[in-house]
Amino acid sequence: MTHFTLLFTAAEPAAGGGLVDLQVNLMFWTALIFGSLYLILRKWVFPAILGAVEAREKALADAIDGAKRDRDAAAQLLADHRALIEGSREDAQKLIAEARQVAEKSRGDLLEKTRLEQQELLERARRDIAAERDKAIVLLRREAVDLAIAGAGKVIEQNLDSDKNRALVESFLSSLASQPNVKGR
């Protein structure tokens, strides 16, 4: 057998050989298989794996950057919304204050209007009372004139002209009413 055939044949360990004994043919085939497998893996498999790993790293970096941008945008939106809410709260407080002012002004206007109406009613009532009093005084004067004429007619026992007598008594009573000490009676 040649030396070449010895390399391709599996050698049986010597009867007293151990695990640490050098076996050149086994080392050669192991190195050849390892080298060829390494070259195959390096040529086709490692680039695919490294490409996938790099793509995954890039995707993760993009996702992290996107998350940071989204977080920043969300923080900005939150700040904007808080500012809007605060502005709305201030606007609502202003509207409430204005409504209170309008209500107080309306209340004051209504109270003033009611007071004026009340005074107007009192004045009208006083005028009506004065008019009714004047009417009652005129009626009482007429009655007094009629009673005086009737009494005078009985006393004199003659038939006097009642229109002339009425005018005479009314002028007399008017002159009495214009005097200060008689007016209070």
C-alpha atoms as a PDB file:
ATOM      1  CA  MET A   1       0.000   0.000   0.000  1.00  0.00           C
ATOM      2  CA  THR A   2       1.121   3.337  -0.772  1.00  0.00           C
ATOM      3  CA  HIS A   3       1.395   6.249   1.424  1.00  0.00           C
ATOM      4  CA  PHE A   4      -1.615   7.863  -0.228  1.00  0.00           C
ATOM      5  CA  THR A   5      -3.881   4.931   0.481  1.00  0.00           C
ATOM      6  CA  LEU A   6      -2.818   4.996   4.014  1.00  0.00           C
ATOM      7  CA  LEU A   7      -4.134   8.519   4.341  1.00  0.00           C
ATOM      8  CA  PHE A   8      -7.567   7.565   3.046  1.00  0.00           C
ATOM      9  CA  THR A   9      -8.013   4.495   5.091  1.00  0.00           C
ATOM     10  CA  ALA A  10      -9.118   4.632   8.558  1.00  0.00           C
ATOM     11  CA  ALA A  11      -6.411   3.565  10.829  1.00  0.00           C
ATOM     12  CA  GLU A  12      -7.259   1.571  13.746  1.00  0.00           C
ATOM     13  CA  PRO A  13      -5.739   2.684  16.941  1.00  0.00           C
ATOM     14  CA  ALA A  14      -2.946   0.616  18.192  1.00  0.00           C
ATOM     15  CA  ALA A  15      -3.694  -1.795  20.835  1.00  0.00           C
ATOM     16  CA  GLY A  16      -2.127   0.230  23.533  1.00  0.00           C
ATOM     17  CA  GLY A  17      -2.902   3.733  22.086  1.00  0.00           C
ATOM     18  CA  GLY A  18      -4.726   6.309  24.075  1.00  0.00           C
ATOM     19  CA  LEU A  19      -6.810   9.310  23.325  1.00  0.00           C
ATOM     20  CA  VAL A  20      -3.894  11.699  23.248  1.00  0.00           C
ATOM     21  CA  ASP A  21      -1.843   9.831  20.673  1.00  0.00           C
ATOM     22  CA  LEU A  22      -1.182  11.756  17.458  1.00  0.00           C
ATOM     23  CA  GLN A  23      -2.905  10.417  14.444  1.00  0.00           C
ATOM     24  CA  VAL A  24      -1.758  12.327  11.406  1.00  0.00           C
ATOM     25  CA  ASN A  25      -4.354  11.068   8.969  1.00  0.00           C
ATOM     26  CA  LEU A  26      -7.213  11.978  11.300  1.00  0.00           C
ATOM     27  CA  MET A  27      -5.733  15.403  11.847  1.00  0.00           C
ATOM     28  CA  PHE A  28      -5.354  15.917   8.106  1.00  0.00           C
ATOM     29  CA  TRP A  29      -8.966  15.030   7.316  1.00  0.00           C
ATOM     30  CA  THR A  30     -10.242  17.069  10.237  1.00  0.00           C
ATOM     31  CA  ALA A  31      -8.251  20.091   9.125  1.00  0.00           C
ATOM     32  CA  LEU A  32      -9.327  19.616   5.466  1.00  0.00           C
ATOM     33  CA  ILE A  33     -13.014  19.296   6.349  1.00  0.00           C
ATOM     34  CA  PHE A  34     -12.813  22.182   8.806  1.00  0.00           C
ATOM     35  CA  GLY A  35     -11.048  24.428   6.266  1.00  0.00           C
ATOM     36  CA  SER A  36     -13.447  23.586   3.417  1.00  0.00           C
ATOM     37  CA  LEU A  37     -16.466  24.040   5.694  1.00  0.00           C
ATOM     38  CA  TYR A  38     -15.033  27.355   6.906  1.00  0.00           C
ATOM     39  CA  LEU A  39     -14.512  28.539   3.318  1.00  0.00           C
ATOM     40  CA  ILE A  40     -18.070  27.520   2.332  1.00  0.00           C
ATOM     41  CA  LEU A  41     -19.513  29.200   5.406  1.00  0.00           C
ATOM     42  CA  ARG A  42     -17.354  32.295   4.828  1.00  0.00           C
ATOM     43  CA  LYS A  43     -18.336  32.596   1.177  1.00  0.00           C
ATOM     44  CA  TRP A  44     -22.122  32.012   1.409  1.00  0.00           C
ATOM     45  CA  VAL A  45     -23.428  31.696   4.962  1.00  0.00           C
ATOM     46  CA  PHE A  46     -21.511  34.309   6.992  1.00  0.00           C
ATOM     47  CA  PRO A  47     -22.369  37.198   4.621  1.00  0.00           C
ATOM     48  CA  ALA A  48     -26.048  36.265   4.790  1.00  0.00           C
ATOM     49  CA  ILE A  49     -25.940  35.974   8.569  1.00  0.00           C
ATOM     50  CA  LEU A  50     -23.948  39.217   8.924  1.00  0.00           C
ATOM     51  CA  GLY A  51     -26.324  40.975   6.510  1.00  0.00           C
ATOM     52  CA  ALA A  52     -29.313  39.795   8.522  1.00  0.00           C
ATOM     53  CA  VAL A  53     -27.639  40.855  11.771  1.00  0.00           C
ATOM     54  CA  GLU A  54     -26.726  44.259  10.329  1.00  0.00           C
ATOM     55  CA  ALA A  55     -30.242  44.686   8.942  1.00  0.00           C
ATOM     56  CA  ARG A  56     -31.641  43.759  12.327  1.00  0.00           C
ATOM     57  CA  GLU A  57     -29.281  46.222  14.048  1.00  0.00           C
ATOM     58  CA  LYS A  58     -30.266  48.926  11.576  1.00  0.00           C
ATOM     59  CA  ALA A  59     -33.968  48.151  12.076  1.00  0.00           C
ATOM     60  CA  LEU A  60     -33.516  48.285  15.857  1.00  0.00           C
ATOM     61  CA  ALA A  61     -31.575  51.572  15.606  1.00  0.00           C
ATOM     62  CA  ASP A  62     -34.292  52.997  13.343  1.00  0.00           C
ATOM     63  CA  ALA A  63     -36.969  51.796  15.741  1.00  0.00           C
ATOM     64  CA  ILE A  64     -35.125  53.367  18.687  1.00  0.00           C
ATOM     65  CA  ASP A  65     -34.710  56.637  16.762  1.00  0.00           C
ATOM     66  CA  GLY A  66     -38.369  56.515  15.753  1.00  0.00           C
ATOM     67  CA  ALA A  67     -39.372  55.861  19.356  1.00  0.00           C
ATOM     68  CA  LYS A  68     -37.244  58.815  20.495  1.00  0.00           C
ATOM     69  CA  ARG A  69     -38.848  61.057  17.842  1.00  0.00           C
ATOM     70  CA  ASP A  70     -42.295  59.800  18.795  1.00  0.00           C
ATOM     71  CA  ARG A  71     -41.551  60.343  22.483  1.00  0.00           C
ATOM     72  CA  ASP A  72     -40.327  63.878  21.785  1.00  0.00           C
ATOM     73  CA  ALA A  73     -43.366  64.581  19.593  1.00  0.00           C
ATOM     74  CA  ALA A  74     -45.657  63.164  22.288  1.00  0.00           C
ATOM     75  CA  ALA A  75     -43.970  65.307  24.931  1.00  0.00           C
ATOM     76  CA  GLN A  76     -44.400  68.375  22.701  1.00  0.00           C
ATOM     77  CA  LEU A  77     -48.050  67.482  22.069  1.00  0.00           C
ATOM     78  CA  LEU A  78     -48.574  66.975  25.787  1.00  0.00           C
ATOM     79  CA  ALA A  79     -47.047  70.377  26.521  1.00  0.00           C
ATOM     80  CA  ASP A  80     -49.201  71.950  23.790  1.00  0.00           C
ATOM     81  CA  HIS A  81     -52.321  70.283  25.143  1.00  0.00           C
ATOM     82  CA  ARG A  82     -51.510  71.377  28.672  1.00  0.00           C
ATOM     83  CA  ALA A  83     -51.039  74.932  27.428  1.00  0.00           C
ATOM     84  CA  LEU A  84     -54.354  74.724  25.551  1.00  0.00           C
ATOM     85  CA  ILE A  85     -56.110  73.350  28.605  1.00  0.00           C
ATOM     86  CA  GLU A  86     -54.636  76.112  30.770  1.00  0.00           C
ATOM     87  CA  GLY A  87     -55.659  78.707  28.176  1.00  0.00           C
ATOM     88  CA  SER A  88     -59.152  77.216  28.039  1.00  0.00           C
ATOM     89  CA  ARG A  89     -59.316  77.236  31.830  1.00  0.00           C
ATOM     90  CA  GLU A  90     -58.322  80.927  31.878  1.00  0.00           C
ATOM     91  CA  ASP A  91     -60.873  81.715  29.148  1.00  0.00           C
ATOM     92  CA  ALA A  92     -63.550  79.903  31.131  1.00  0.00           C
ATOM     93  CA  GLN A  93     -62.645  81.873  34.264  1.00  0.00           C
ATOM     94  CA  LYS A  94     -62.841  85.110  32.267  1.00  0.00           C
ATOM     95  CA  LEU A  95     -66.228  84.120  30.850  1.00  0.00           C
ATOM     96  CA  ILE A  96     -67.501  83.248  34.309  1.00  0.00           C
ATOM     97  CA  ALA A  97     -66.241  86.569  35.698  1.00  0.00           C
ATOM     98  CA  GLU A  98     -67.851  88.455  32.804  1.00  0.00           C
ATOM     99  CA  ALA A  99     -71.099  86.553  33.316  1.00  0.00           C
ATOM    100  CA  ARG A 100     -71.051  87.463  36.995  1.00  0.00           C
ATOM    101  CA  GLN A 101     -70.460  91.111  36.145  1.00  0.00           C
ATOM    102  CA  VAL A 102     -73.292  91.067  33.614  1.00  0.00           C
ATOM    103  CA  ALA A 103     -75.553  89.346  36.138  1.00  0.00           C
ATOM    104  CA  GLU A 104     -74.672  91.886  38.855  1.00  0.00           C
ATOM    105  CA  LYS A 105     -75.256  94.759  36.428  1.00  0.00           C
ATOM    106  CA  SER A 106     -78.566  93.248  35.325  1.00  0.00           C
ATOM    107  CA  ARG A 107     -79.536  92.735  38.954  1.00  0.00           C
ATOM    108  CA  GLY A 108     -78.647  96.345  39.767  1.00  0.00           C
ATOM    109  CA  ASP A 109     -80.544  97.581  36.710  1.00  0.00           C
ATOM    110  CA  LEU A 110     -83.583  95.507  37.653  1.00  0.00           C
ATOM    111  CA  LEU A 111     -83.457  96.771  41.242  1.00  0.00           C
ATOM    112  CA  GLU A 112     -83.198 100.366  40.019  1.00  0.00           C
ATOM    113  CA  LYS A 113     -86.045  99.829  37.544  1.00  0.00           C
ATOM    114  CA  THR A 114     -88.163  98.243  40.280  1.00  0.00           C
ATOM    115  CA  ARG A 115     -87.394 101.127  42.638  1.00  0.00           C
ATOM    116  CA  LEU A 116     -88.353 103.669  39.970  1.00  0.00           C
ATOM    117  CA  GLU A 117     -91.564 101.784  39.180  1.00  0.00           C
ATOM    118  CA  GLN A 118     -92.351 101.629  42.881  1.00  0.00           C
ATOM    119  CA  GLN A 119     -91.820 105.396  43.244  1.00  0.00           C
ATOM    120  CA  GLU A 120     -93.921 106.001  40.148  1.00  0.00           C
ATOM    121  CA  LEU A 121     -96.686 103.836  41.579  1.00  0.00           C
ATOM    122  CA  LEU A 122     -96.468 105.723  44.880  1.00  0.00           C
ATOM    123  CA  GLU A 123     -96.650 109.063  43.083  1.00  0.00           C
ATOM    124  CA  ARG A 124     -99.586 107.885  40.988  1.00  0.00           C
ATOM    125  CA  ALA A 125    -101.305 106.580  44.132  1.00  0.00           C
ATOM    126  CA  ARG A 126    -100.697 109.940  45.861  1.00  0.00           C
ATOM    127  CA  ARG A 127    -102.088 111.801  42.852  1.00  0.00           C
ATOM    128  CA  ASP A 128    -105.093 109.470  42.735  1.00  0.00           C
ATOM    129  CA  ILE A 129    -105.646 109.925  46.483  1.00  0.00           C
ATOM    130  CA  ALA A 130    -105.339 113.709  46.122  1.00  0.00           C
ATOM    131  CA  ALA A 131    -107.757 113.674  43.175  1.00  0.00           C
ATOM    132  CA  GLU A 132    -110.213 111.528  45.093  1.00  0.00           C
ATOM    133  CA  ARG A 133    -109.835 113.805  48.125  1.00  0.00           C
ATOM    134  CA  ASP A 134    -110.477 116.861  45.944  1.00  0.00           C
ATOM    135  CA  LYS A 135    -113.524 115.149  44.448  1.00  0.00           C
ATOM    136  CA  ALA A 136    -114.759 114.278  47.923  1.00  0.00           C
ATOM    137  CA  ILE A 137    -114.219 117.896  49.055  1.00  0.00           C
ATOM    138  CA  VAL A 138    -116.164 119.175  46.028  1.00  0.00           C
ATOM    139  CA  LEU A 139    -118.949 116.700  46.746  1.00  0.00           C
ATOM    140  CA  LEU A 140    -118.956 117.659  50.406  1.00  0.00           C
ATOM    141  CA  ARG A 141    -119.136 121.341  49.454  1.00  0.00           C
ATOM    142  CA  ARG A 142    -122.060 120.677  47.148  1.00  0.00           C
ATOM    143  CA  GLU A 143    -123.770 118.739  49.863  1.00  0.00           C
ATOM    144  CA  ALA A 144    -123.020 121.501  52.354  1.00  0.00           C
ATOM    145  CA  VAL A 145    -124.351 124.072  49.889  1.00  0.00           C
ATOM    146  CA  ASP A 146    -127.452 122.007  49.268  1.00  0.00           C
ATOM    147  CA  LEU A 147    -127.965 121.552  53.011  1.00  0.00           C
ATOM    148  CA  ALA A 148    -127.336 125.252  53.679  1.00  0.00           C
ATOM    149  CA  ILE A 149    -129.774 126.266  50.973  1.00  0.00           C
ATOM    150  CA  ALA A 150    -132.336 123.811  52.242  1.00  0.00           C
ATOM    151  CA  GLY A 151    -131.769 125.045  55.785  1.00  0.00           C
ATOM    152  CA  ALA A 152    -131.896 128.695  54.716  1.00  0.00           C
ATOM    153  CA  GLY A 153    -134.990 128.060  52.675  1.00  0.00           C
ATOM    154  CA  LYS A 154    -136.690 126.612  55.649  1.00  0.00           C
ATOM    155  CA  VAL A 155    -135.531 129.458  57.809  1.00  0.00           C
ATOM    156  CA  ILE A 156    -136.648 132.160  55.429  1.00  0.00           C
ATOM    157  CA  GLU A 157    -139.557 130.197  54.161  1.00  0.00           C
ATOM    158  CA  GLN A 158    -139.487 131.555  50.783  1.00  0.00           C
ATOM    159  CA  ASN A 159    -138.524 130.030  47.557  1.00  0.00           C
ATOM    160  CA  LEU A 160    -135.266 131.528  46.514  1.00  0.00           C
ATOM    161  CA  ASP A 161    -133.527 130.927  43.214  1.00  0.00           C
ATOM    162  CA  SER A 162    -131.444 127.854  43.995  1.00  0.00           C
ATOM    163  CA  ASP A 163    -128.795 128.469  41.252  1.00  0.00           C
ATOM    164  CA  LYS A 164    -128.033 131.960  42.518  1.00  0.00           C
ATOM    165  CA  ASN A 165    -127.907 130.725  46.088  1.00  0.00           C
ATOM    166  CA  ARG A 166    -125.637 127.854  45.131  1.00  0.00           C
ATOM    167  CA  ALA A 167    -123.159 130.227  43.420  1.00  0.00           C
ATOM    168  CA  LEU A 168    -123.253 132.539  46.407  1.00  0.00           C
ATOM    169  CA  VAL A 169    -122.557 129.723  48.921  1.00  0.00           C
ATOM    170  CA  GLU A 170    -119.805 128.185  46.731  1.00  0.00           C
ATOM    171  CA  SER A 171    -117.998 131.514  46.492  1.00  0.00           C
ATOM    172  CA  PHE A 172    -118.315 131.893  50.240  1.00  0.00           C
ATOM    173  CA  LEU A 173    -116.927 128.385  50.856  1.00  0.00           C
ATOM    174  CA  SER A 174    -114.080 128.999  48.379  1.00  0.00           C
ATOM    175  CA  SER A 175    -113.148 132.130  50.229  1.00  0.00           C
ATOM    176  CA  LEU A 176    -113.175 130.158  53.467  1.00  0.00           C
ATOM    177  CA  ALA A 177    -110.959 127.411  51.932  1.00  0.00           C
ATOM    178  CA  SER A 178    -108.342 129.979  50.843  1.00  0.00           C
ATOM    179  CA  GLN A 179    -107.954 131.273  54.385  1.00  0.00           C
ATOM    180  CA  PRO A 180    -105.148 129.427  56.232  1.00  0.00           C
ATOM    181  CA  ASN A 181    -106.914 128.879  59.534  1.00  0.00           C
ATOM    182  CA  VAL A 182    -110.086 127.463  57.897  1.00  0.00           C
ATOM    183  CA  LYS A 183    -108.320 125.219  55.352  1.00  0.00           C
ATOM    184  CA  GLY A 184    -107.169 122.704  57.986  1.00  0.00           C
ATOM    185  CA  ARG A 185    -110.716 122.033  59.219  1.00  0.00           C
END
